[in-house]
Protein backbone atom coordinates (compact mmCIF):
# COMPACT_ATOMS: atom_id res chain seq x y z
CA UNK A 1 -45.43 26.70 -50.41
CA UNK A 2 -41.86 25.72 -49.59
CA UNK A 3 -42.02 27.05 -46.00
CA UNK A 4 -43.59 23.84 -44.41
CA UNK A 5 -41.04 21.64 -46.17
CA UNK A 6 -38.20 23.86 -44.92
CA UNK A 7 -39.49 23.73 -41.32
CA UNK A 8 -39.84 19.95 -41.47
CA UNK A 9 -36.27 19.54 -42.77
CA UNK A 10 -34.98 21.84 -40.03
CA UNK A 11 -36.76 19.82 -37.32
CA UNK A 12 -35.39 16.53 -38.65
CA UNK A 13 -31.87 17.95 -38.75
CA UNK A 14 -32.17 19.17 -35.14
CA UNK A 15 -33.35 15.74 -34.03
CA UNK A 16 -30.35 14.04 -35.70
CA UNK A 17 -27.92 16.48 -34.10
CA UNK A 18 -29.44 15.81 -30.69
CA UNK A 19 -28.78 12.09 -31.16
CA UNK A 20 -25.14 12.47 -32.20
CA UNK A 21 -23.57 12.59 -28.67
CA UNK A 22 -25.34 9.35 -27.73
CA UNK A 23 -24.33 7.49 -30.90
CA UNK A 24 -20.73 8.73 -31.12
CA UNK A 25 -19.67 6.47 -28.22
CA UNK A 26 -21.44 3.08 -28.16
CA UNK A 27 -22.60 1.90 -24.75
CA UNK A 28 -20.39 -1.20 -24.75
CA UNK A 29 -17.26 0.92 -25.27
CA UNK A 30 -18.14 3.23 -22.38
CA UNK A 31 -18.63 0.27 -20.06
CA UNK A 32 -15.34 -1.36 -21.08
CA UNK A 33 -13.43 1.85 -20.44
CA UNK A 34 -14.96 2.50 -17.05
CA UNK A 35 -12.76 1.42 -14.11
CA UNK A 36 -14.25 -1.17 -11.80
CA UNK A 37 -13.57 1.10 -8.80
CA UNK A 38 -13.61 4.89 -8.43
CA UNK A 39 -10.35 6.60 -9.24
CA UNK A 40 -8.83 8.38 -6.26
CA UNK A 41 -8.49 12.07 -7.18
CA UNK A 42 -4.86 13.05 -7.76
CA UNK A 43 -5.80 16.67 -7.04
CA UNK A 44 -5.96 15.79 -3.34
CA UNK A 45 -2.51 14.15 -3.30
CA UNK A 46 -0.40 17.26 -2.48
CA UNK A 47 -2.70 18.24 0.39
CA UNK A 48 -2.70 14.72 1.80
CA UNK A 49 1.08 14.46 1.54
CA UNK A 50 1.42 17.78 3.34
CA UNK A 51 -0.86 16.58 6.12
CA UNK A 52 1.18 13.39 6.62
CA UNK A 53 4.42 15.36 6.60
CA UNK A 54 3.04 17.60 9.33
CA UNK A 55 1.84 14.61 11.34
CA UNK A 56 5.18 12.75 11.02
CA UNK A 57 7.89 15.40 10.55
CA UNK A 58 10.69 12.86 11.11
CA UNK A 59 9.59 10.74 8.14
CA UNK A 60 11.18 11.24 4.73
CA UNK A 61 8.64 13.14 2.56
CA UNK A 62 9.80 11.26 -0.54
CA UNK A 63 9.05 7.93 1.13
CA UNK A 64 5.62 9.18 2.22
CA UNK A 65 4.94 10.32 -1.35
CA UNK A 66 5.78 6.86 -2.71
CA UNK A 67 3.58 5.24 -0.07
CA UNK A 68 0.67 7.45 -1.10
CA UNK A 69 1.19 6.59 -4.77
CA UNK A 70 1.11 2.89 -3.94
CA UNK A 71 -2.00 3.44 -1.80
CA UNK A 72 -3.85 5.26 -4.59
CA UNK A 73 -3.00 2.49 -7.02
CA UNK A 74 -4.24 -0.17 -4.57
CA UNK A 75 -7.51 1.73 -4.10
CA UNK A 76 -8.03 2.10 -7.84
CA UNK A 77 -7.40 -1.60 -8.38
CA UNK A 78 -9.84 -2.61 -5.66
CA UNK A 79 -7.20 -3.91 -3.25
CA UNK A 80 -7.94 -1.31 -0.56
CA UNK A 81 -10.54 1.26 0.42
CA UNK A 82 -10.21 5.02 0.86
CA UNK A 83 -10.44 4.70 4.63
CA UNK A 84 -7.81 1.94 4.92
CA UNK A 85 -5.10 2.84 7.39
CA UNK A 86 -1.55 3.09 6.10
CA UNK A 87 1.64 1.88 7.77
CA UNK A 88 4.98 3.01 6.32
CA UNK A 89 8.34 1.38 7.09
CA UNK A 90 11.52 3.11 5.92
CA UNK A 91 14.18 0.39 5.89
CA UNK A 92 16.77 2.87 4.64
CA UNK A 93 17.02 4.09 8.25
CA UNK A 94 19.01 2.23 10.91
CA UNK A 95 17.15 -0.06 13.27
CA UNK A 96 18.14 2.19 16.17
CA UNK A 97 15.79 4.90 14.85
CA UNK A 98 12.01 5.02 14.78
CA UNK A 99 11.14 4.06 11.23
CA UNK A 100 7.54 2.82 11.34
CA UNK A 101 4.61 5.22 11.08
CA UNK A 102 0.93 4.26 11.18
CA UNK A 103 -1.54 6.79 9.80
CA UNK A 104 -5.29 7.16 10.14
CA UNK A 105 -6.08 8.20 6.57
CA UNK A 106 -9.59 9.45 7.36
CA UNK A 107 -8.10 12.10 9.63
CA UNK A 108 -4.61 12.25 8.08
CA UNK A 109 -3.26 11.82 11.59
CA UNK A 110 -0.42 9.82 13.11
CA UNK A 111 -1.37 6.86 15.30
CA UNK A 112 2.07 5.35 15.98
CA UNK A 113 5.72 6.31 15.50
CA UNK A 114 7.73 3.20 16.34
CA UNK A 115 10.84 1.07 16.18
CA UNK A 116 10.68 -2.00 13.96
CA UNK A 117 13.12 -4.87 13.43
CA UNK A 118 14.24 -6.30 10.12
CA UNK A 119 15.31 -9.83 9.18
CA UNK A 120 18.66 -11.37 10.12
CA UNK A 121 19.51 -11.92 6.49
CA UNK A 122 18.85 -8.27 5.64
CA UNK A 123 21.78 -6.80 7.56
CA UNK A 124 22.97 -5.62 10.97
CA UNK A 125 21.89 -2.15 12.04
CA UNK A 126 21.28 -1.16 8.41
CA UNK A 127 19.07 -3.37 6.26
CA UNK A 128 20.53 -3.81 2.78
CA UNK A 129 19.21 -7.09 1.42
CA UNK A 130 15.59 -8.03 0.76
CA UNK A 131 13.96 -11.18 -0.50
CA UNK A 132 10.75 -13.00 -1.29
CA UNK A 133 12.37 -16.41 -0.80
CA UNK A 134 11.61 -18.92 1.94
CA UNK A 135 14.59 -19.46 4.24
CA UNK A 136 16.37 -16.22 3.30
CA UNK A 137 15.57 -14.66 6.71
CA UNK A 138 15.30 -11.36 4.85
CA UNK A 139 12.61 -8.72 5.03
CA UNK A 140 10.48 -7.94 1.97
CA UNK A 141 9.74 -4.63 0.30
CA UNK A 142 6.63 -3.24 -1.34
CA UNK A 143 2.95 -2.98 -0.62
CA UNK A 144 1.10 -5.43 1.63
CA UNK A 145 -2.47 -5.73 2.76
CA UNK A 146 -3.11 -6.96 6.28
CA UNK A 147 -5.31 -9.92 7.14
CA UNK A 148 -6.30 -11.90 10.23
CA UNK A 149 -4.77 -12.01 13.71
CA UNK A 150 -3.77 -15.17 15.54
CA UNK A 151 -1.89 -16.41 18.60
CA UNK A 152 1.43 -17.96 17.60
CA UNK A 153 4.92 -18.63 18.92
CA UNK A 154 5.43 -14.87 19.19
CA UNK A 155 2.07 -14.21 20.81
CA UNK A 156 -0.55 -11.97 19.24
CA UNK A 157 0.38 -11.66 15.55
CA UNK A 158 -0.98 -10.26 12.28
CA UNK A 159 -0.76 -12.00 8.93
CA UNK A 160 -0.04 -10.04 5.77
CA UNK A 161 -0.42 -10.71 2.07
CA UNK A 162 2.10 -9.22 -0.34
CA UNK A 163 0.51 -7.56 -3.36
CA UNK A 164 3.61 -7.44 -5.57
CA UNK A 165 4.41 -10.60 -7.55
CA UNK A 166 8.02 -11.64 -7.25
CA UNK A 167 8.66 -9.02 -4.58
CA UNK A 168 6.56 -9.94 -1.55
CA UNK A 169 3.77 -12.28 -2.66
CA UNK A 170 5.25 -15.19 -0.67
CA UNK A 171 4.81 -13.29 2.59
CA UNK A 172 2.03 -15.57 3.85
CA UNK A 173 3.79 -18.82 2.99
CA UNK A 174 6.99 -17.44 4.58
CA UNK A 175 5.01 -16.47 7.70
CA UNK A 176 6.10 -12.84 7.39
CA UNK A 177 3.83 -11.33 10.04
CA UNK A 178 3.69 -8.41 12.45
CA UNK A 179 4.36 -9.48 16.04
CA UNK A 180 5.95 -8.30 19.26
CA UNK A 181 9.45 -9.41 20.24
CA UNK A 182 11.60 -8.88 23.35
CA UNK A 183 14.64 -8.06 21.23
CA UNK A 184 12.98 -4.92 19.83
CA UNK A 185 14.36 -2.87 22.71
CA UNK A 186 15.92 0.60 22.22
CA UNK A 187 17.96 0.21 25.43
CA UNK A 188 19.41 -3.07 24.18
CA UNK A 189 20.16 -1.36 20.87
CA UNK A 190 22.25 1.25 22.69
CA UNK A 191 24.48 -1.52 24.07
CA UNK A 192 24.86 -3.66 20.94
CA UNK A 193 24.51 -0.99 18.25
CA UNK A 194 21.31 -2.36 16.72
CA UNK A 195 17.95 -3.84 17.53
CA UNK A 196 17.59 -7.59 17.64
CA UNK A 197 16.60 -9.13 14.32
CA UNK A 198 13.72 -11.32 13.21
CA UNK A 199 13.40 -14.07 10.61
CA UNK A 200 12.11 -11.45 8.17
CA UNK A 201 9.11 -10.14 10.10
CA UNK A 202 8.56 -6.47 10.95
CA UNK A 203 8.73 -7.13 14.70
CA UNK A 204 7.68 -4.49 17.25
CA UNK A 205 8.26 -3.62 20.89
CA UNK A 206 6.07 -5.89 23.06
CA UNK A 207 4.67 -2.83 24.86
CA UNK A 208 2.99 -1.53 21.71
CA UNK A 209 2.61 -4.61 19.51
CA UNK A 210 -0.99 -5.43 20.48
CA UNK A 211 -2.22 -1.88 19.94
CA UNK A 212 -0.40 -1.49 16.62
CA UNK A 213 -1.72 -4.83 15.38
CA UNK A 214 -5.29 -3.92 16.32
CA UNK A 215 -4.96 -0.66 14.42
CA UNK A 216 -3.79 -2.48 11.28
CA UNK A 217 -5.73 -5.73 11.17
CA UNK A 218 -8.21 -6.76 8.48
CA UNK A 219 -7.58 -4.99 5.22
CA UNK A 220 -5.24 -2.12 6.01
CA UNK A 221 -2.08 -1.30 4.04
CA UNK A 222 1.63 -1.55 4.86
CA UNK A 223 4.30 -0.05 2.59
CA UNK A 224 7.92 -1.13 3.14
CA UNK A 225 10.55 1.07 1.48
CA UNK A 226 14.22 0.81 0.60
CA UNK A 227 15.99 2.55 -2.33
CA UNK A 228 16.28 -0.67 -4.31
CA UNK A 229 16.54 0.33 -7.98
CA UNK A 230 15.07 -2.88 -9.34
CA UNK A 231 11.95 -2.70 -7.19
CA UNK A 232 11.49 1.05 -7.66
CA UNK A 233 11.63 0.74 -11.44
CA UNK A 234 9.35 -2.30 -11.73
CA UNK A 235 6.80 -2.03 -8.94
CA UNK A 236 3.28 -2.30 -10.33
CA UNK A 237 2.09 0.00 -7.55
CA UNK A 238 4.60 2.81 -8.07
CA UNK A 239 3.94 3.09 -11.81
CA UNK A 240 0.19 2.73 -12.02
CA UNK A 241 -1.29 4.50 -15.07
CA UNK A 242 -5.02 5.20 -15.01
CA UNK A 243 -5.35 3.49 -18.38
CA UNK A 244 -4.46 0.20 -16.71
CA UNK A 245 -7.06 0.39 -13.96
CA UNK A 246 -9.89 -1.18 -15.94
CA UNK A 247 -7.83 -4.11 -17.17
CA UNK A 248 -5.66 -5.01 -14.19
CA UNK A 249 -6.79 -6.48 -10.92
CA UNK A 250 -4.76 -7.60 -7.93
CA UNK A 251 -4.62 -11.43 -7.82
CA UNK A 252 -6.93 -13.09 -5.31
CA UNK A 253 -5.35 -13.34 -1.89
CA UNK A 254 -4.54 -16.69 -0.33
CA UNK A 255 -7.52 -18.28 1.35
CA UNK A 256 -5.43 -20.43 3.64
CA UNK A 257 -2.35 -19.80 5.72
CA UNK A 258 0.52 -21.77 7.08
């Protein structure tokens, strides 16, 4: 006589247990915790770093590692896509050395290995000073996203938007752009001990400027490095915890340019 009651109680208990996983985490909490963009898998980072090291053996692996960290953070915050190309400038090297590398991230291959000038206010052969201030004639550090091309005083040029507030976010208003320049000449550097210098722009050899710009235009990434303790300790792209991805977004880029 008690058997039907026992079976019914067992069935009800099973039904309640089946509902527990769905009720233990309300839907609105799950949505709030979900990042707005897919998180780039960190498990692939060592393999990708190894591929870039093999493609550009002259580059400092530690600088490449930092560039990849900044790239992953930009992707997770919606400021870049997985297939965005990546340019890396190592300003800790003298201007007489090749210190710009452009990578195709879909193939983990090297597209360009080039000379690049720094700003007059940053130093002579070795860049040592960096700024986000108009009129400083200094280069800027950190992560940039590229934008539109245009024809200016230096010919075919590429605008960039700095993604790091207080570090490089005045790049557009300062007209910090990628362009070709006659003074970026390795033979001239042999005579005077350094490349010519820009007003803060990462200027390139005229022979390669157009091709490099075309490879980087419209939404690619550029990472400019120097062992500056202040920037390294405070950069929002070098210390990018996954717990912040849902709440933080990169500020909207400038709609107009100077």
